[in-house]
């Protein structure tokens, strides 16, 4: 999975799961190529064979 545009979580959660909710444990690669911003939760699951890559600017994590 490749996300090529900017992502604004805008206080919402986003889950990207390439394992089909565990149906395919191997999963696949997940790649974000631009900005990820906003105060929402971001959950990325690449599986046992998938890599997660973020090459764009990331906002500072807030807790």
N, C-alpha and C. Protein backbone atom coordinates (compact mmCIF):
# COMPACT_ATOMS: atom_id res chain seq x y z
N UNK A 1 0.84 -1.15 0.00
CA UNK A 1 0.00 0.00 0.00
C UNK A 1 0.89 1.23 0.00
N UNK A 2 0.58 2.17 -0.86
CA UNK A 2 1.35 3.41 -0.90
C UNK A 2 0.39 4.59 -0.83
N UNK A 3 0.64 5.48 0.12
CA UNK A 3 -0.13 6.71 0.25
C UNK A 3 0.77 7.82 -0.27
N UNK A 4 0.35 8.48 -1.35
CA UNK A 4 1.21 9.47 -2.01
C UNK A 4 0.85 10.91 -1.68
N UNK A 5 -0.27 11.16 -1.09
CA UNK A 5 -0.66 12.52 -0.73
C UNK A 5 -0.50 12.78 0.75
N UNK A 6 -0.62 14.04 1.14
CA UNK A 6 -0.54 14.42 2.54
C UNK A 6 -1.71 13.82 3.31
N UNK A 7 -1.46 13.45 4.56
CA UNK A 7 -2.50 12.88 5.44
C UNK A 7 -2.65 13.81 6.63
N UNK A 8 -3.88 14.27 6.87
CA UNK A 8 -4.19 15.08 8.05
C UNK A 8 -5.16 14.28 8.90
N UNK A 9 -4.69 13.81 10.04
CA UNK A 9 -5.53 12.99 10.92
C UNK A 9 -6.65 13.81 11.54
N UNK A 10 -6.45 15.11 11.74
CA UNK A 10 -7.48 16.03 12.18
C UNK A 10 -8.28 15.48 13.37
N UNK A 11 -7.57 14.99 14.38
CA UNK A 11 -8.17 14.46 15.61
C UNK A 11 -8.99 13.18 15.38
N UNK A 12 -8.77 12.51 14.28
CA UNK A 12 -9.43 11.23 14.00
C UNK A 12 -8.38 10.14 13.98
N UNK A 13 -8.81 8.92 14.16
CA UNK A 13 -7.90 7.79 14.08
C UNK A 13 -7.86 7.22 12.67
N UNK A 14 -6.71 6.67 12.30
CA UNK A 14 -6.55 6.01 11.01
C UNK A 14 -5.79 4.71 11.23
N UNK A 15 -6.35 3.62 10.72
CA UNK A 15 -5.70 2.32 10.79
C UNK A 15 -5.45 1.82 9.38
N UNK A 16 -4.20 1.45 9.10
CA UNK A 16 -3.83 0.85 7.82
C UNK A 16 -3.30 -0.54 8.16
N UNK A 17 -4.00 -1.57 7.71
CA UNK A 17 -3.67 -2.95 8.06
C UNK A 17 -3.54 -3.78 6.79
N UNK A 18 -2.32 -4.14 6.43
CA UNK A 18 -2.12 -4.92 5.20
C UNK A 18 -2.27 -6.42 5.44
N UNK A 19 -2.66 -6.81 6.66
CA UNK A 19 -2.84 -8.23 6.96
C UNK A 19 -4.29 -8.68 6.85
N UNK A 20 -5.18 -7.81 6.41
CA UNK A 20 -6.61 -8.12 6.33
C UNK A 20 -7.12 -8.56 7.70
N UNK A 21 -6.81 -7.77 8.72
CA UNK A 21 -7.22 -8.03 10.10
C UNK A 21 -6.72 -9.38 10.59
N UNK A 22 -5.52 -9.75 10.19
CA UNK A 22 -4.92 -11.01 10.62
C UNK A 22 -5.18 -12.18 9.69
N UNK A 23 -5.98 -11.99 8.67
CA UNK A 23 -6.30 -13.06 7.73
C UNK A 23 -5.11 -13.48 6.87
N UNK A 24 -4.17 -12.57 6.71
CA UNK A 24 -2.94 -12.84 5.96
C UNK A 24 -1.77 -12.33 6.79
N UNK A 25 -1.24 -13.20 7.64
CA UNK A 25 -0.20 -12.79 8.60
C UNK A 25 1.02 -12.17 7.93
N UNK A 26 1.34 -12.59 6.70
CA UNK A 26 2.51 -12.05 5.99
C UNK A 26 2.35 -10.57 5.72
N UNK A 27 1.16 -10.11 5.42
CA UNK A 27 0.92 -8.70 5.16
C UNK A 27 1.61 -8.22 3.91
N UNK A 28 1.88 -6.92 3.87
CA UNK A 28 2.51 -6.28 2.72
C UNK A 28 3.14 -4.98 3.18
N UNK A 29 3.92 -4.37 2.32
CA UNK A 29 4.56 -3.09 2.65
C UNK A 29 3.53 -1.98 2.73
N UNK A 30 3.80 -1.03 3.63
CA UNK A 30 3.00 0.19 3.77
C UNK A 30 3.97 1.36 3.65
N UNK A 31 3.65 2.31 2.78
CA UNK A 31 4.55 3.44 2.55
C UNK A 31 3.76 4.74 2.52
N UNK A 32 4.24 5.74 3.28
CA UNK A 32 3.70 7.09 3.24
C UNK A 32 4.79 7.99 2.67
N UNK A 33 4.48 8.71 1.58
CA UNK A 33 5.48 9.51 0.89
C UNK A 33 5.40 11.01 1.17
N UNK A 34 4.40 11.45 1.93
CA UNK A 34 4.29 12.88 2.21
C UNK A 34 3.94 13.09 3.67
N UNK A 35 3.53 14.30 4.00
CA UNK A 35 3.29 14.72 5.38
C UNK A 35 2.18 13.92 6.05
N UNK A 36 2.44 13.55 7.31
CA UNK A 36 1.42 13.01 8.20
C UNK A 36 1.32 14.01 9.34
N UNK A 37 0.13 14.56 9.55
CA UNK A 37 -0.03 15.61 10.55
C UNK A 37 -1.36 15.44 11.25
N UNK A 38 -1.56 16.14 12.34
CA UNK A 38 -2.82 16.11 13.08
C UNK A 38 -2.68 15.33 14.37
N UNK A 39 -3.65 15.49 15.24
CA UNK A 39 -3.57 14.94 16.59
C UNK A 39 -4.26 13.59 16.74
N UNK A 40 -4.62 12.92 15.67
CA UNK A 40 -5.30 11.63 15.76
C UNK A 40 -4.32 10.48 15.91
N UNK A 41 -4.87 9.32 16.23
CA UNK A 41 -4.07 8.10 16.38
C UNK A 41 -3.81 7.49 15.01
N UNK A 42 -2.60 6.98 14.80
CA UNK A 42 -2.23 6.32 13.55
C UNK A 42 -1.70 4.94 13.89
N UNK A 43 -2.36 3.91 13.37
CA UNK A 43 -1.94 2.53 13.60
C UNK A 43 -1.59 1.90 12.26
N UNK A 44 -0.36 1.39 12.14
CA UNK A 44 0.12 0.78 10.90
C UNK A 44 0.52 -0.66 11.18
N UNK A 45 -0.05 -1.62 10.44
CA UNK A 45 0.27 -3.03 10.61
C UNK A 45 0.74 -3.59 9.28
N UNK A 46 2.04 -3.88 9.20
CA UNK A 46 2.62 -4.38 7.96
C UNK A 46 2.71 -5.90 7.90
N UNK A 47 2.47 -6.60 9.00
CA UNK A 47 2.56 -8.05 9.03
C UNK A 47 3.99 -8.53 9.20
N UNK A 48 4.18 -9.84 9.10
CA UNK A 48 5.49 -10.44 9.34
C UNK A 48 6.48 -10.20 8.20
N UNK A 49 5.98 -9.97 6.98
CA UNK A 49 6.85 -9.74 5.83
C UNK A 49 6.77 -8.32 5.28
N UNK A 50 5.89 -7.50 5.84
CA UNK A 50 5.72 -6.14 5.34
C UNK A 50 6.56 -5.14 6.09
N UNK A 51 7.10 -4.17 5.37
CA UNK A 51 7.84 -3.07 5.97
C UNK A 51 6.95 -1.83 5.99
N UNK A 52 7.10 -1.01 7.02
CA UNK A 52 6.39 0.26 7.11
C UNK A 52 7.42 1.37 6.92
N UNK A 53 7.21 2.22 5.91
CA UNK A 53 8.16 3.29 5.58
C UNK A 53 7.43 4.63 5.54
N UNK A 54 8.00 5.61 6.25
CA UNK A 54 7.46 6.97 6.23
C UNK A 54 8.59 7.88 5.80
N UNK A 55 8.46 8.49 4.62
CA UNK A 55 9.53 9.34 4.11
C UNK A 55 9.17 10.82 4.13
N UNK A 56 7.93 11.15 4.40
CA UNK A 56 7.53 12.55 4.48
C UNK A 56 7.73 13.09 5.87
N UNK A 57 7.44 14.37 6.04
CA UNK A 57 7.55 15.04 7.34
C UNK A 57 6.48 14.51 8.29
N UNK A 58 6.87 14.30 9.53
CA UNK A 58 5.93 13.86 10.56
C UNK A 58 5.83 14.93 11.63
N UNK A 59 4.64 15.10 12.14
CA UNK A 59 4.45 16.02 13.26
C UNK A 59 5.01 15.38 14.53
N UNK A 60 5.33 16.18 15.50
CA UNK A 60 5.82 15.67 16.78
C UNK A 60 4.69 14.95 17.50
N UNK A 61 4.97 13.77 18.03
CA UNK A 61 3.95 13.00 18.76
C UNK A 61 3.54 13.75 20.01
N UNK A 62 2.25 13.75 20.28
CA UNK A 62 1.71 14.38 21.49
C UNK A 62 0.97 13.33 22.28
N UNK A 63 1.12 13.37 23.59
CA UNK A 63 0.40 12.41 24.44
C UNK A 63 -0.45 13.13 25.43
